[in-house]
């Protein structure tokens, strides 16, 4: 199942990352906020899929959201911040 998640995440992440890369510093804050929302939403939907597979039924969006926020959100945000800093240093 881990391999399936990695493949699914690999399919979702590049599209969002490409949108973020195309967003320039002059972009409006609302555009950047929406792009961050899309990235986070993709993670929550992936989490919902994984947890539903484990449970053997659809756990629902509310439960997936609660679970993801309490278990993964802080580390996900840290990872995104570090990636953004590294990317800015390279440019």
N, C-alpha and C. Protein backbone atom coordinates (compact mmCIF):
# COMPACT_ATOMS: atom_id res chain seq x y z
N UNK A 1 0.82 -1.20 0.00
CA UNK A 1 0.00 0.00 0.00
C UNK A 1 0.86 1.26 0.00
N UNK A 2 2.01 1.25 0.67
CA UNK A 2 2.89 2.41 0.70
C UNK A 2 3.32 2.79 -0.71
N UNK A 3 3.61 1.79 -1.52
CA UNK A 3 4.03 2.05 -2.89
C UNK A 3 2.90 2.72 -3.68
N UNK A 4 1.65 2.28 -3.45
CA UNK A 4 0.50 2.89 -4.11
C UNK A 4 0.38 4.35 -3.72
N UNK A 5 0.58 4.65 -2.43
CA UNK A 5 0.48 6.03 -1.95
C UNK A 5 1.55 6.88 -2.60
N UNK A 6 2.79 6.36 -2.68
CA UNK A 6 3.88 7.11 -3.28
C UNK A 6 3.57 7.43 -4.74
N UNK A 7 3.03 6.46 -5.46
CA UNK A 7 2.68 6.70 -6.85
C UNK A 7 1.57 7.72 -6.97
N UNK A 8 0.57 7.63 -6.12
CA UNK A 8 -0.55 8.57 -6.17
C UNK A 8 -0.09 9.98 -5.81
N UNK A 9 0.74 10.09 -4.78
CA UNK A 9 1.27 11.39 -4.38
C UNK A 9 2.13 11.97 -5.50
N UNK A 10 2.91 11.14 -6.13
CA UNK A 10 3.75 11.61 -7.23
C UNK A 10 2.90 12.15 -8.36
N UNK A 11 1.71 11.58 -8.57
CA UNK A 11 0.83 12.07 -9.61
C UNK A 11 0.21 13.41 -9.24
N UNK A 12 -0.10 13.61 -7.96
CA UNK A 12 -0.78 14.83 -7.53
C UNK A 12 0.19 16.00 -7.34
N UNK A 13 1.30 15.73 -6.72
CA UNK A 13 2.21 16.79 -6.29
C UNK A 13 2.81 17.63 -7.43
N UNK A 14 3.30 17.04 -8.52
CA UNK A 14 3.96 17.87 -9.53
C UNK A 14 3.07 18.96 -10.09
N UNK A 15 1.79 18.69 -10.30
CA UNK A 15 0.89 19.71 -10.83
C UNK A 15 0.81 20.93 -9.93
N UNK A 16 0.66 20.67 -8.65
CA UNK A 16 0.58 21.76 -7.68
C UNK A 16 1.92 22.48 -7.60
N UNK A 17 2.99 21.71 -7.55
CA UNK A 17 4.32 22.32 -7.48
C UNK A 17 4.61 23.18 -8.71
N UNK A 18 4.20 22.74 -9.88
CA UNK A 18 4.41 23.54 -11.08
C UNK A 18 3.65 24.85 -11.01
N UNK A 19 2.43 24.80 -10.48
CA UNK A 19 1.67 26.04 -10.31
C UNK A 19 2.37 26.99 -9.35
N UNK A 20 2.91 26.42 -8.27
CA UNK A 20 3.62 27.26 -7.30
C UNK A 20 4.88 27.87 -7.91
N UNK A 21 5.59 27.08 -8.71
CA UNK A 21 6.81 27.60 -9.35
C UNK A 21 6.49 28.73 -10.32
N UNK A 22 5.36 28.63 -11.01
CA UNK A 22 5.00 29.65 -11.98
C UNK A 22 4.54 30.94 -11.31
N UNK A 23 4.10 30.83 -10.06
CA UNK A 23 3.65 32.01 -9.34
C UNK A 23 4.88 32.86 -8.98
N UNK A 24 4.91 34.07 -9.44
CA UNK A 24 6.06 34.94 -9.20
C UNK A 24 5.83 35.79 -7.97
N UNK A 25 6.89 36.45 -7.50
CA UNK A 25 6.77 37.26 -6.28
C UNK A 25 5.70 38.34 -6.41
N UNK A 26 5.45 38.82 -7.62
CA UNK A 26 4.45 39.85 -7.83
C UNK A 26 3.03 39.33 -7.81
N UNK A 27 2.85 38.01 -7.66
CA UNK A 27 1.50 37.45 -7.64
C UNK A 27 0.75 37.95 -6.42
N UNK A 28 -0.54 38.03 -6.58
CA UNK A 28 -1.34 38.50 -5.46
C UNK A 28 -1.32 37.47 -4.34
N UNK A 29 -1.42 37.93 -3.11
CA UNK A 29 -1.44 37.00 -1.97
C UNK A 29 -2.60 36.00 -2.08
N UNK A 30 -3.71 36.41 -2.66
CA UNK A 30 -4.84 35.50 -2.77
C UNK A 30 -4.52 34.34 -3.70
N UNK A 31 -3.72 34.58 -4.75
CA UNK A 31 -3.32 33.50 -5.65
C UNK A 31 -2.43 32.51 -4.93
N UNK A 32 -1.45 33.00 -4.20
CA UNK A 32 -0.55 32.11 -3.45
C UNK A 32 -1.33 31.33 -2.39
N UNK A 33 -2.26 31.97 -1.74
CA UNK A 33 -3.06 31.30 -0.72
C UNK A 33 -3.88 30.17 -1.36
N UNK A 34 -4.45 30.43 -2.52
CA UNK A 34 -5.24 29.41 -3.20
C UNK A 34 -4.36 28.23 -3.62
N UNK A 35 -3.17 28.51 -4.09
CA UNK A 35 -2.25 27.44 -4.49
C UNK A 35 -1.85 26.59 -3.28
N UNK A 36 -1.65 27.23 -2.16
CA UNK A 36 -1.34 26.48 -0.93
C UNK A 36 -2.54 25.63 -0.51
N UNK A 37 -3.73 26.18 -0.66
CA UNK A 37 -4.95 25.43 -0.36
C UNK A 37 -5.03 24.17 -1.24
N UNK A 38 -4.74 24.32 -2.53
CA UNK A 38 -4.79 23.17 -3.44
C UNK A 38 -3.78 22.09 -3.04
N UNK A 39 -2.59 22.51 -2.64
CA UNK A 39 -1.57 21.54 -2.23
C UNK A 39 -2.02 20.80 -0.97
N UNK A 40 -2.57 21.52 -0.02
CA UNK A 40 -3.02 20.90 1.22
C UNK A 40 -4.22 19.98 0.96
N UNK A 41 -5.11 20.42 0.11
CA UNK A 41 -6.27 19.60 -0.24
C UNK A 41 -5.84 18.27 -0.87
N UNK A 42 -4.85 18.32 -1.74
CA UNK A 42 -4.34 17.09 -2.37
C UNK A 42 -3.81 16.12 -1.31
N UNK A 43 -3.12 16.65 -0.32
CA UNK A 43 -2.61 15.80 0.77
C UNK A 43 -3.74 15.19 1.58
N UNK A 44 -4.75 15.97 1.87
CA UNK A 44 -5.88 15.47 2.66
C UNK A 44 -6.63 14.39 1.88
N UNK A 45 -6.83 14.59 0.59
CA UNK A 45 -7.51 13.58 -0.22
C UNK A 45 -6.70 12.30 -0.32
N UNK A 46 -5.39 12.42 -0.40
CA UNK A 46 -4.53 11.23 -0.41
C UNK A 46 -4.64 10.50 0.93
N UNK A 47 -4.63 11.26 2.02
CA UNK A 47 -4.79 10.69 3.36
C UNK A 47 -6.14 9.98 3.48
N UNK A 48 -7.18 10.59 2.95
CA UNK A 48 -8.52 9.99 2.99
C UNK A 48 -8.52 8.66 2.25
N UNK A 49 -7.89 8.63 1.11
CA UNK A 49 -7.82 7.40 0.32
C UNK A 49 -7.09 6.30 1.09
N UNK A 50 -5.93 6.64 1.66
CA UNK A 50 -5.13 5.65 2.40
C UNK A 50 -5.91 5.12 3.60
N UNK A 51 -6.48 6.01 4.39
CA UNK A 51 -7.20 5.59 5.59
C UNK A 51 -8.47 4.82 5.24
N UNK A 52 -9.12 5.18 4.15
CA UNK A 52 -10.30 4.43 3.71
C UNK A 52 -9.92 3.03 3.28
N UNK A 53 -8.79 2.89 2.61
CA UNK A 53 -8.30 1.57 2.21
C UNK A 53 -8.02 0.72 3.45
N UNK A 54 -7.40 1.31 4.45
CA UNK A 54 -7.11 0.58 5.69
C UNK A 54 -8.39 0.12 6.38
N UNK A 55 -9.38 1.03 6.40
CA UNK A 55 -10.64 0.73 7.09
C UNK A 55 -11.55 -0.19 6.29
N UNK A 56 -11.32 -0.27 5.00
CA UNK A 56 -12.17 -1.10 4.15
C UNK A 56 -13.46 -0.43 3.72
N UNK A 57 -13.57 0.87 4.01
CA UNK A 57 -14.74 1.66 3.58
C UNK A 57 -14.36 3.13 3.57
N UNK A 58 -15.19 3.93 2.94
CA UNK A 58 -14.92 5.37 2.86
C UNK A 58 -15.09 5.99 4.25
N UNK A 59 -14.03 6.61 4.76
CA UNK A 59 -14.10 7.18 6.11
C UNK A 59 -14.74 8.57 6.12
N UNK A 60 -14.87 9.16 4.96
CA UNK A 60 -15.50 10.48 4.87
C UNK A 60 -14.47 11.59 4.99
N UNK A 61 -14.81 12.70 4.39
CA UNK A 61 -13.90 13.85 4.34
C UNK A 61 -13.67 14.46 5.72
N UNK A 62 -14.71 14.57 6.52
CA UNK A 62 -14.56 15.18 7.85
C UNK A 62 -13.58 14.40 8.72
N UNK A 63 -13.74 13.09 8.75
CA UNK A 63 -12.84 12.27 9.56
C UNK A 63 -11.41 12.32 9.01
N UNK A 64 -11.29 12.29 7.68
CA UNK A 64 -9.95 12.37 7.07
C UNK A 64 -9.28 13.70 7.40
N UNK A 65 -10.04 14.77 7.32
CA UNK A 65 -9.51 16.09 7.63
C UNK A 65 -9.05 16.17 9.07
N UNK A 66 -9.90 15.74 9.99
CA UNK A 66 -9.54 15.75 11.42
C UNK A 66 -8.27 14.94 11.67
N UNK A 67 -8.23 13.76 11.09
CA UNK A 67 -7.08 12.87 11.28
C UNK A 67 -5.81 13.47 10.70
N UNK A 68 -5.89 14.00 9.50
CA UNK A 68 -4.70 14.56 8.83
C UNK A 68 -4.18 15.78 9.59
N UNK A 69 -5.09 16.66 9.99
CA UNK A 69 -4.67 17.87 10.71
C UNK A 69 -4.00 17.50 12.03
N UNK A 70 -4.57 16.56 12.77
CA UNK A 70 -4.00 16.23 14.07
C UNK A 70 -2.71 15.41 13.96
N UNK A 71 -2.55 14.67 12.85
CA UNK A 71 -1.39 13.79 12.74
C UNK A 71 -0.28 14.26 11.81
N UNK A 72 -0.62 15.04 10.79
CA UNK A 72 0.36 15.30 9.74
C UNK A 72 0.58 16.77 9.36
N UNK A 73 -0.34 17.64 9.66
CA UNK A 73 -0.29 19.00 9.13
C UNK A 73 0.96 19.77 9.54
N UNK A 74 1.34 19.70 10.79
CA UNK A 74 2.50 20.47 11.26
C UNK A 74 3.76 20.06 10.50
N UNK A 75 4.00 18.76 10.38
CA UNK A 75 5.19 18.30 9.66
C UNK A 75 5.11 18.63 8.18
N UNK A 76 3.93 18.55 7.60
CA UNK A 76 3.75 18.89 6.18
C UNK A 76 4.09 20.37 5.95
N UNK A 77 3.61 21.24 6.83
CA UNK A 77 3.90 22.68 6.70
C UNK A 77 5.40 22.95 6.86
N UNK A 78 6.03 22.31 7.83
CA UNK A 78 7.48 22.48 8.01
C UNK A 78 8.23 22.06 6.75
N UNK A 79 7.85 20.93 6.20
CA UNK A 79 8.50 20.43 4.99
C UNK A 79 8.34 21.42 3.84
N UNK A 80 7.16 21.98 3.67
CA UNK A 80 6.93 22.94 2.58
C UNK A 80 7.74 24.22 2.79
N UNK A 81 7.84 24.67 4.03
CA UNK A 81 8.61 25.89 4.32
C UNK A 81 10.08 25.66 4.00
N UNK A 82 10.63 24.52 4.43
CA UNK A 82 12.04 24.23 4.15
C UNK A 82 12.29 24.08 2.66
N UNK A 83 11.37 23.43 1.95
CA UNK A 83 11.53 23.29 0.50
C UNK A 83 11.50 24.64 -0.18
N UNK A 84 10.62 25.53 0.28
CA UNK A 84 10.54 26.88 -0.31
C UNK A 84 11.82 27.65 -0.05
N UNK A 85 12.37 27.55 1.16
CA UNK A 85 13.62 28.24 1.48
C UNK A 85 14.78 27.70 0.64
N UNK A 86 14.86 26.38 0.50
CA UNK A 86 15.91 25.79 -0.31
C UNK A 86 15.80 26.21 -1.76
N UNK A 87 14.58 26.24 -2.25
CA UNK A 87 14.34 26.65 -3.64
C UNK A 87 14.74 28.11 -3.85
N UNK A 88 14.42 28.96 -2.87
CA UNK A 88 14.77 30.38 -2.98
C UNK A 88 16.29 30.58 -2.94
N UNK A 89 16.99 29.77 -2.15
CA UNK A 89 18.45 29.88 -2.07
C UNK A 89 19.11 29.50 -3.39
N UNK A 90 18.54 28.50 -4.07
CA UNK A 90 19.11 28.06 -5.35
C UNK A 90 18.91 29.08 -6.46
N UNK A 91 17.85 29.86 -6.36
CA UNK A 91 17.55 30.86 -7.40
C UNK A 91 18.20 32.12 -7.09
